[in-house]
Amino acid sequence: MTKHPTNFALETLAIHAGKQVDPTTGAVVPPIHLTTTFERKPDGSYPDGYVYTRADNPNRRALEECLRVLEGGAACAAFSSGSAAAAALLRSFAPGDTVLVCSDLYHGVRYILLNILQPWGLKPVFVDMTDLEAVEQAWTDSVKLLWLETPTNPMLNIYDICTLADMAHAKGAQVAVDGTWTTPVVQRPLELGADFVMHATTKYLAGHSDVLGGAIIAKAEDETFEKVRYIQQLEGAVPSPFDCFLVSRGISTLPYRMRAHSENAMKVARFLNEHPNVHTVHYPGLEQHPGHEIAKQQMSMMGGMMSIQVSGGADAARNVMNRVKLFHRATSLGGVESLLEHRRSVEGDLSTTPDDLLRVSIGLEHPDDLINDLVQALG
């Protein structure tokens, strides 16, 4: 596969990285290789490197190369979902190892850690990573990985990747950052010191709410990543060729979509910040956000996600959710359409999310239309 140089701008790489003109037909758009198996040569070899689609496939290899280039990493492994990607990285560590986890994170990873990996032997320790002293106090010799989200889901807390990475590396641990909300357009964790970036490619990377996927991008093809690749190929939680095609197609417009998501979100956040029926807006682009200054340092824009806490409690929040007309009441994020949901209802028994909170994914509709919908829903 053609290795595109990385000195192109991100907009160019999003269109060209991992893609090449089909040598057989001249097709500019790479074909979808739906085959599950590949023919051996008479001598038993596979000169093109493909044996069986669980192990590798041209569409998956193209997507992995695209993501590797966009993140500036050394290697990438694509999975059938973000949860599968996260679980593969976490399971590349050993029973008895400890992983320090930011206390506010996507509830799916929390459930994986507590209900699956903790009984297996991995030791998760949850800590407020805005408090560096608390991180220091939580550290033990068994800590092998520090797992970050920034901004977090759904509270949009901001963590200092550079400082935390320096701390972890000084103690011999590695750092993983969930980049789903920011994408490499907004934040570049490997350049900030992280060892791994995890994506739910379902979200902004694919961008159209029509495909499920995940990926791990590594700064180095080290022993940890080799285990991730082994889990991927042996267990087979991999995206289909068509899934890879859809994610790759979505990435082509990613830089422009992220700008529009961010611009729209800033306008909506400023409106909501002045609304009398909203008592808190969680959005790092607002100057009063406690992580605003760090966000400005490590994010090129502020993204399309926010959460709001509605005056009047849980019932008032649900009433707003039920009155929206343009926003869809739906889980997920990162598509072209705007979504809104009562987050605690989704997260289950382990949720620490305030009951008056609505998580909002700002799409690509005109911001005035989104604001007008919120005006009538908030009353």
Protein backbone atom coordinates (compact mmCIF):
# COMPACT_ATOMS: atom_id res chain seq x y z
CA MET A 1 0.00 0.00 0.00
CA THR A 2 1.25 3.46 -0.86
CA LYS A 3 2.70 5.28 2.15
CA HIS A 4 1.69 8.91 1.83
CA PRO A 5 4.15 11.43 3.27
CA THR A 6 2.97 13.10 6.43
CA ASN A 7 4.05 16.61 5.47
CA PHE A 8 0.72 17.26 3.77
CA ALA A 9 -1.96 19.22 5.60
CA LEU A 10 -4.53 17.21 7.54
CA GLU A 11 -7.25 18.07 5.02
CA THR A 12 -5.17 16.46 2.28
CA LEU A 13 -4.22 13.43 4.36
CA ALA A 14 -7.87 12.81 5.28
CA ILE A 15 -8.63 12.38 1.59
CA HIS A 16 -5.53 10.52 0.42
CA ALA A 17 -3.93 8.59 3.31
CA GLY A 18 -4.40 4.86 2.96
CA LYS A 19 -6.09 5.21 -0.41
CA GLN A 20 -4.73 4.50 -3.86
CA VAL A 21 -6.14 4.10 -7.36
CA ASP A 22 -7.17 0.49 -7.95
CA PRO A 23 -4.39 -1.02 -10.12
CA THR A 24 -6.76 -3.45 -11.84
CA THR A 25 -9.53 -1.09 -12.97
CA GLY A 26 -8.19 2.41 -12.39
CA ALA A 27 -11.07 3.12 -9.97
CA VAL A 28 -10.34 6.25 -7.94
CA VAL A 29 -12.52 4.99 -5.08
CA PRO A 30 -10.99 1.78 -3.70
CA PRO A 31 -13.22 -1.27 -4.21
CA ILE A 32 -14.82 -3.17 -1.33
CA HIS A 33 -13.18 -6.58 -0.88
CA LEU A 34 -15.96 -8.74 0.55
CA THR A 35 -13.99 -11.96 0.26
CA THR A 36 -13.29 -13.92 3.44
CA THR A 37 -10.33 -15.84 2.03
CA PHE A 38 -7.49 -15.40 -0.46
CA GLU A 39 -5.94 -17.85 -2.90
CA ARG A 40 -2.47 -19.32 -2.35
CA LYS A 41 0.08 -19.42 -5.11
CA PRO A 42 1.17 -22.89 -6.35
CA ASP A 43 4.10 -22.82 -3.95
CA GLY A 44 1.74 -22.22 -1.02
CA SER A 45 2.66 -18.57 -0.50
CA TYR A 46 0.52 -15.47 -0.17
CA PRO A 47 2.68 -12.83 -1.91
CA ASP A 48 0.09 -10.06 -1.37
CA GLY A 49 0.06 -10.70 2.38
CA TYR A 50 -3.60 -11.64 2.72
CA VAL A 51 -4.70 -15.06 4.01
CA TYR A 52 -8.07 -14.67 5.73
CA THR A 53 -10.16 -11.58 6.39
CA ARG A 54 -10.20 -12.07 10.17
CA ALA A 55 -6.43 -11.57 10.07
CA ASP A 56 -6.29 -8.86 7.42
CA ASN A 57 -8.26 -7.39 4.54
CA PRO A 58 -7.41 -4.68 1.97
CA ASN A 59 -10.16 -2.35 3.21
CA ARG A 60 -9.13 -2.75 6.83
CA ARG A 61 -5.48 -2.23 6.01
CA ALA A 62 -6.39 0.95 4.12
CA LEU A 63 -8.41 2.29 7.06
CA GLU A 64 -5.66 1.45 9.53
CA GLU A 65 -3.08 3.22 7.40
CA CYS A 66 -5.32 6.27 7.12
CA LEU A 67 -5.84 6.45 10.90
CA ARG A 68 -2.15 5.83 11.57
CA VAL A 69 -1.17 8.74 9.33
CA LEU A 70 -3.83 11.09 10.69
CA GLU A 71 -2.74 10.49 14.30
CA GLY A 72 0.98 10.49 13.48
CA GLY A 73 1.42 7.00 14.95
CA ALA A 74 3.50 3.97 14.08
CA ALA A 75 0.68 1.40 13.84
CA CYS A 76 -3.10 1.01 14.02
CA ALA A 77 -5.48 -1.87 14.71
CA ALA A 78 -9.13 -1.46 13.71
CA PHE A 79 -11.96 -3.16 15.59
CA SER A 80 -15.69 -3.74 15.23
CA SER A 81 -16.53 -1.15 17.91
CA GLY A 82 -14.92 1.36 20.20
CA SER A 83 -15.67 -0.91 23.16
CA ALA A 84 -13.86 -3.81 21.47
CA ALA A 85 -10.87 -1.56 20.83
CA ALA A 86 -10.77 -0.33 24.43
CA ALA A 87 -11.12 -3.86 25.82
CA ALA A 88 -8.30 -5.15 23.59
CA LEU A 89 -5.89 -2.49 24.82
CA LEU A 90 -6.84 -3.00 28.45
CA ARG A 91 -6.48 -6.78 28.14
CA SER A 92 -3.01 -6.40 26.68
CA PHE A 93 -1.94 -5.81 30.27
CA ALA A 94 -1.72 -8.67 32.75
CA PRO A 95 -3.77 -9.81 35.75
CA GLY A 96 -2.34 -8.04 38.77
CA ASP A 97 -1.53 -4.87 36.83
CA THR A 98 -3.22 -1.65 37.89
CA VAL A 99 -4.71 0.89 35.51
CA LEU A 100 -5.35 4.41 36.77
CA VAL A 101 -8.56 5.67 35.20
CA CYS A 102 -10.03 9.16 35.14
CA SER A 103 -12.99 9.16 37.51
CA ASP A 104 -15.37 10.63 34.94
CA LEU A 105 -15.37 8.54 31.80
CA TYR A 106 -17.61 6.79 29.29
CA HIS A 107 -19.78 4.38 31.23
CA GLY A 108 -19.13 1.53 28.78
CA VAL A 109 -15.42 1.47 29.65
CA ARG A 110 -16.31 1.66 33.33
CA TYR A 111 -18.51 -1.44 32.97
CA ILE A 112 -15.78 -3.28 31.03
CA LEU A 113 -13.28 -2.53 33.78
CA LEU A 114 -15.49 -3.35 36.75
CA ASN A 115 -17.61 -6.22 35.44
CA ILE A 116 -15.23 -8.02 33.08
CA LEU A 117 -11.60 -7.09 33.62
CA GLN A 118 -11.55 -6.64 37.39
CA PRO A 119 -12.80 -10.22 37.99
CA TRP A 120 -10.14 -11.35 35.47
CA GLY A 121 -7.44 -9.69 37.57
CA LEU A 122 -6.84 -6.18 36.23
CA LYS A 123 -7.07 -3.59 38.99
CA PRO A 124 -8.82 -0.33 38.02
CA VAL A 125 -8.34 2.67 40.29
CA PHE A 126 -10.50 5.71 39.58
CA VAL A 127 -9.02 9.11 40.35
CA ASP A 128 -9.79 12.76 39.66
CA MET A 129 -7.01 13.57 37.22
CA THR A 130 -7.54 17.30 37.49
CA ASP A 131 -5.89 16.84 40.90
CA LEU A 132 -2.27 15.88 40.21
CA GLU A 133 -1.64 15.29 43.91
CA ALA A 134 -4.48 12.76 43.97
CA VAL A 135 -2.92 10.99 40.98
CA GLU A 136 0.40 10.88 42.79
CA GLN A 137 -1.20 9.47 45.94
CA ALA A 138 -3.05 6.79 43.95
CA TRP A 139 0.13 5.56 42.27
CA THR A 140 1.60 2.16 43.16
CA ASP A 141 4.35 0.05 41.65
CA SER A 142 1.70 -2.09 39.90
CA VAL A 143 0.36 0.81 37.79
CA LYS A 144 1.11 0.02 34.15
CA LEU A 145 -1.40 2.24 32.31
CA LEU A 146 -3.04 5.61 32.76
CA TRP A 147 -6.38 5.85 30.91
CA LEU A 148 -7.66 9.33 30.02
CA GLU A 149 -10.62 10.97 28.40
CA THR A 150 -10.39 14.69 27.78
CA PRO A 151 -12.97 16.16 27.42
CA THR A 152 -14.72 13.51 29.51
CA ASN A 153 -18.06 11.90 28.77
CA PRO A 154 -20.44 13.42 29.82
CA MET A 155 -19.07 16.08 32.21
CA LEU A 156 -16.47 17.54 29.80
CA ASN A 157 -13.71 17.71 32.37
CA ILE A 158 -10.33 18.59 30.88
CA TYR A 159 -7.12 16.78 31.81
CA ASP A 160 -3.57 17.94 31.08
CA ILE A 161 -2.25 15.23 28.75
CA CYS A 162 1.35 16.51 28.68
CA THR A 163 1.73 16.69 32.44
CA LEU A 164 0.04 13.36 33.11
CA ALA A 165 2.07 11.65 30.37
CA ASP A 166 5.31 12.99 31.84
CA MET A 167 4.27 11.71 35.26
CA ALA A 168 3.35 8.27 33.93
CA HIS A 169 6.49 7.85 31.85
CA ALA A 170 8.71 8.87 34.76
CA LYS A 171 7.16 5.98 36.70
CA GLY A 172 7.45 3.46 33.86
CA ALA A 173 3.76 3.41 32.88
CA GLN A 174 2.06 4.02 29.56
CA VAL A 175 -0.75 6.42 28.68
CA ALA A 176 -3.88 5.89 26.59
CA VAL A 177 -6.24 8.68 25.57
CA ASP A 178 -9.77 8.21 24.26
CA GLY A 179 -9.79 10.53 21.24
CA THR A 180 -13.36 9.82 20.12
CA TRP A 181 -14.77 13.24 20.98
CA THR A 182 -11.88 15.26 19.62
CA THR A 183 -10.51 13.30 16.62
CA PRO A 184 -6.99 14.10 15.35
CA VAL A 185 -8.39 17.34 13.93
CA VAL A 186 -9.04 18.82 17.38
CA GLN A 187 -6.48 17.14 19.64
CA ARG A 188 -3.36 15.08 18.96
CA PRO A 189 -2.62 12.92 22.00
CA LEU A 190 0.45 11.17 20.60
CA GLU A 191 2.12 14.53 20.02
CA LEU A 192 1.17 15.53 23.57
CA GLY A 193 2.90 12.48 25.05
CA ALA A 194 0.37 9.65 24.98
CA ASP A 195 1.38 6.16 23.88
CA PHE A 196 -2.01 5.11 22.50
CA VAL A 197 -5.14 6.76 21.13
CA MET A 198 -8.46 4.92 21.15
CA HIS A 199 -11.32 5.86 18.84
CA ALA A 200 -14.89 4.80 18.48
CA THR A 201 -14.81 5.34 14.72
CA THR A 202 -18.60 5.09 14.89
CA LYS A 203 -18.73 8.74 15.88
CA TYR A 204 -17.03 11.72 14.23
CA LEU A 205 -14.59 9.73 12.09
CA ALA A 206 -17.37 7.96 10.18
CA GLY A 207 -19.62 10.93 10.80
CA HIS A 208 -22.98 9.74 9.47
CA SER A 209 -24.46 7.50 12.20
CA ASP A 210 -24.48 4.48 9.90
CA VAL A 211 -21.51 2.29 10.89
CA LEU A 212 -19.97 0.79 14.04
CA GLY A 213 -16.21 0.64 14.57
CA GLY A 214 -13.19 1.30 16.75
CA ALA A 215 -9.42 1.60 16.56
CA ILE A 216 -6.22 1.74 18.58
CA ILE A 217 -3.35 3.85 17.22
CA ALA A 218 0.06 3.38 18.83
CA LYS A 219 3.02 5.73 18.97
CA ALA A 220 5.35 2.70 18.69
CA GLU A 221 4.93 -0.92 17.63
CA ASP A 222 5.93 -2.07 21.08
CA GLU A 223 5.09 -5.20 23.06
CA THR A 224 1.77 -3.74 24.22
CA PHE A 225 0.64 -3.01 20.67
CA GLU A 226 1.76 -6.45 19.52
CA LYS A 227 -0.66 -7.89 22.10
CA VAL A 228 -3.41 -5.60 20.81
CA ARG A 229 -2.80 -6.84 17.27
CA TYR A 230 -2.74 -10.46 18.46
CA ILE A 231 -6.10 -10.04 20.22
CA GLN A 232 -7.55 -8.35 17.13
CA GLN A 233 -6.49 -11.09 14.71
CA LEU A 234 -7.12 -14.09 16.96
CA GLU A 235 -10.48 -13.09 18.42
CA GLY A 236 -11.74 -11.41 15.26
CA ALA A 237 -13.68 -8.47 16.66
CA VAL A 238 -12.91 -6.66 13.42
CA PRO A 239 -14.88 -4.31 11.18
CA SER A 240 -16.27 -5.73 7.96
CA PRO A 241 -14.81 -4.54 4.65
CA PHE A 242 -17.92 -2.44 4.07
CA ASP A 243 -17.64 -0.92 7.56
CA CYS A 244 -14.03 0.03 6.79
CA PHE A 245 -15.12 1.55 3.49
CA LEU A 246 -17.78 3.67 5.23
CA VAL A 247 -15.40 4.95 7.91
CA SER A 248 -12.77 5.78 5.29
CA ARG A 249 -15.35 7.64 3.23
CA GLY A 250 -16.44 9.64 6.27
CA ILE A 251 -12.88 10.60 7.17
CA SER A 252 -12.48 12.38 3.82
CA THR A 253 -14.64 15.26 5.08
CA LEU A 254 -13.60 15.06 8.75
CA PRO A 255 -11.54 18.29 9.00
CA TYR A 256 -14.32 20.40 7.53
CA ARG A 257 -17.03 18.72 9.56
CA MET A 258 -15.14 19.21 12.83
CA ARG A 259 -14.80 22.93 12.15
CA ALA A 260 -18.53 23.24 11.57
CA HIS A 261 -19.41 21.10 14.61
CA SER A 262 -17.17 23.31 16.76
CA GLU A 263 -18.45 26.60 15.37
CA ASN A 264 -22.07 25.53 15.84
CA ALA A 265 -21.41 24.23 19.34
CA MET A 266 -19.78 27.48 20.44
CA LYS A 267 -22.80 29.48 19.29
CA VAL A 268 -25.23 27.11 20.99
CA ALA A 269 -23.15 27.02 24.19
CA ARG A 270 -23.06 30.82 24.42
CA PHE A 271 -26.84 30.96 23.98
CA LEU A 272 -27.44 28.28 26.62
CA ASN A 273 -25.03 29.96 29.01
CA GLU A 274 -27.34 32.99 29.11
CA HIS A 275 -30.62 31.09 29.34
CA PRO A 276 -32.41 31.42 32.70
CA ASN A 277 -33.60 27.80 32.66
CA VAL A 278 -30.08 26.38 32.31
CA HIS A 279 -27.92 26.62 35.43
CA THR A 280 -24.72 25.04 34.06
CA VAL A 281 -23.24 24.58 30.60
CA HIS A 282 -20.35 22.13 30.41
CA TYR A 283 -18.35 23.21 27.36
CA PRO A 284 -14.59 23.92 27.41
CA GLY A 285 -14.94 26.74 24.91
CA LEU A 286 -16.66 28.89 27.54
CA GLU A 287 -14.23 31.07 29.46
CA GLN A 288 -15.66 30.11 32.85
CA HIS A 289 -15.10 26.39 32.25
CA PRO A 290 -12.48 25.25 34.82
CA GLY A 291 -10.45 23.49 32.10
CA HIS A 292 -10.66 26.29 29.55
CA GLU A 293 -7.00 27.33 29.68
CA ILE A 294 -5.68 23.76 29.38
CA ALA A 295 -8.16 23.09 26.58
CA LYS A 296 -6.83 26.10 24.67
CA GLN A 297 -3.32 24.69 24.97
CA GLN A 298 -4.05 21.16 23.79
CA MET A 299 -7.11 21.53 21.54
CA SER A 300 -7.20 23.40 18.24
CA MET A 301 -10.95 23.96 18.58
CA MET A 302 -13.50 22.99 21.21
CA GLY A 303 -15.49 20.27 19.48
CA GLY A 304 -19.17 19.57 19.04
CA MET A 305 -20.07 18.02 22.40
CA MET A 306 -21.53 19.68 25.47
CA SER A 307 -23.71 18.88 28.45
CA ILE A 308 -26.22 21.15 30.15
CA GLN A 309 -27.86 21.02 33.55
CA VAL A 310 -31.44 22.24 33.49
CA SER A 311 -32.95 24.32 36.28
CA GLY A 312 -35.71 22.40 38.00
CA GLY A 313 -34.07 19.01 38.27
CA ALA A 314 -34.55 15.70 36.49
CA ASP A 315 -38.20 16.24 35.54
CA ALA A 316 -37.40 19.60 33.96
CA ALA A 317 -34.51 18.05 32.03
CA ARG A 318 -36.74 15.25 30.72
CA ASN A 319 -39.38 17.79 29.75
CA VAL A 320 -36.82 19.67 27.65
CA MET A 321 -35.75 16.41 26.03
CA ASN A 322 -39.34 15.55 25.18
CA ARG A 323 -40.12 18.98 23.70
CA VAL A 324 -37.30 19.25 21.18
CA LYS A 325 -38.41 19.01 17.55
CA LEU A 326 -35.22 19.32 15.50
CA PHE A 327 -32.87 17.50 17.86
CA HIS A 328 -33.24 13.73 17.89
CA ARG A 329 -33.70 12.05 21.28
CA ALA A 330 -31.03 9.42 20.75
CA THR A 331 -27.80 7.97 22.11
CA SER A 332 -24.53 8.42 20.23
CA LEU A 333 -22.79 11.47 18.83
CA GLY A 334 -20.67 12.80 16.02
CA GLY A 335 -23.16 12.50 13.17
CA VAL A 336 -24.39 15.31 10.97
CA GLU A 337 -27.67 15.43 12.90
CA SER A 338 -27.95 16.93 16.39
CA LEU A 339 -28.77 14.57 19.26
CA LEU A 340 -29.87 15.12 22.84
CA GLU A 341 -30.41 12.65 25.68
CA HIS A 342 -30.97 12.37 29.41
CA ARG A 343 -27.63 10.79 30.10
CA ARG A 344 -28.21 9.19 33.50
CA SER A 345 -31.11 7.17 32.10
CA VAL A 346 -28.67 5.59 29.65
CA GLU A 347 -25.74 4.91 31.97
CA GLY A 348 -27.31 2.52 34.46
CA ASP A 349 -26.63 1.74 38.11
CA LEU A 350 -22.98 2.83 38.10
CA SER A 351 -23.78 6.30 36.80
CA THR A 352 -22.38 9.29 38.66
CA THR A 353 -23.95 11.77 36.22
CA PRO A 354 -26.25 14.46 37.70
CA ASP A 355 -29.92 13.66 37.17
CA ASP A 356 -30.64 17.08 35.66
CA LEU A 357 -28.03 16.70 32.91
CA LEU A 358 -28.67 16.46 29.18
CA ARG A 359 -25.81 15.45 26.90
CA VAL A 360 -25.90 17.27 23.56
CA SER A 361 -24.18 16.40 20.28
CA ILE A 362 -24.29 19.45 18.04
CA GLY A 363 -24.62 18.54 14.38
CA LEU A 364 -24.29 20.42 11.12
CA GLU A 365 -27.70 22.05 10.94
CA HIS A 366 -27.77 25.84 10.89
CA PRO A 367 -27.04 27.02 14.45
CA ASP A 368 -29.97 29.44 14.41
CA ASP A 369 -32.35 26.54 13.81
CA LEU A 370 -30.81 24.58 16.69
CA ILE A 371 -31.06 27.58 19.00
CA ASN A 372 -34.69 28.21 18.03
CA ASP A 373 -35.51 24.59 18.83
CA LEU A 374 -33.90 24.93 22.25
CA VAL A 375 -35.73 28.21 22.87
CA GLN A 376 -39.11 26.53 22.51
CA ALA A 377 -38.01 23.39 24.40
CA LEU A 378 -36.60 25.29 27.39
CA GLY A 379 -39.65 27.55 27.61
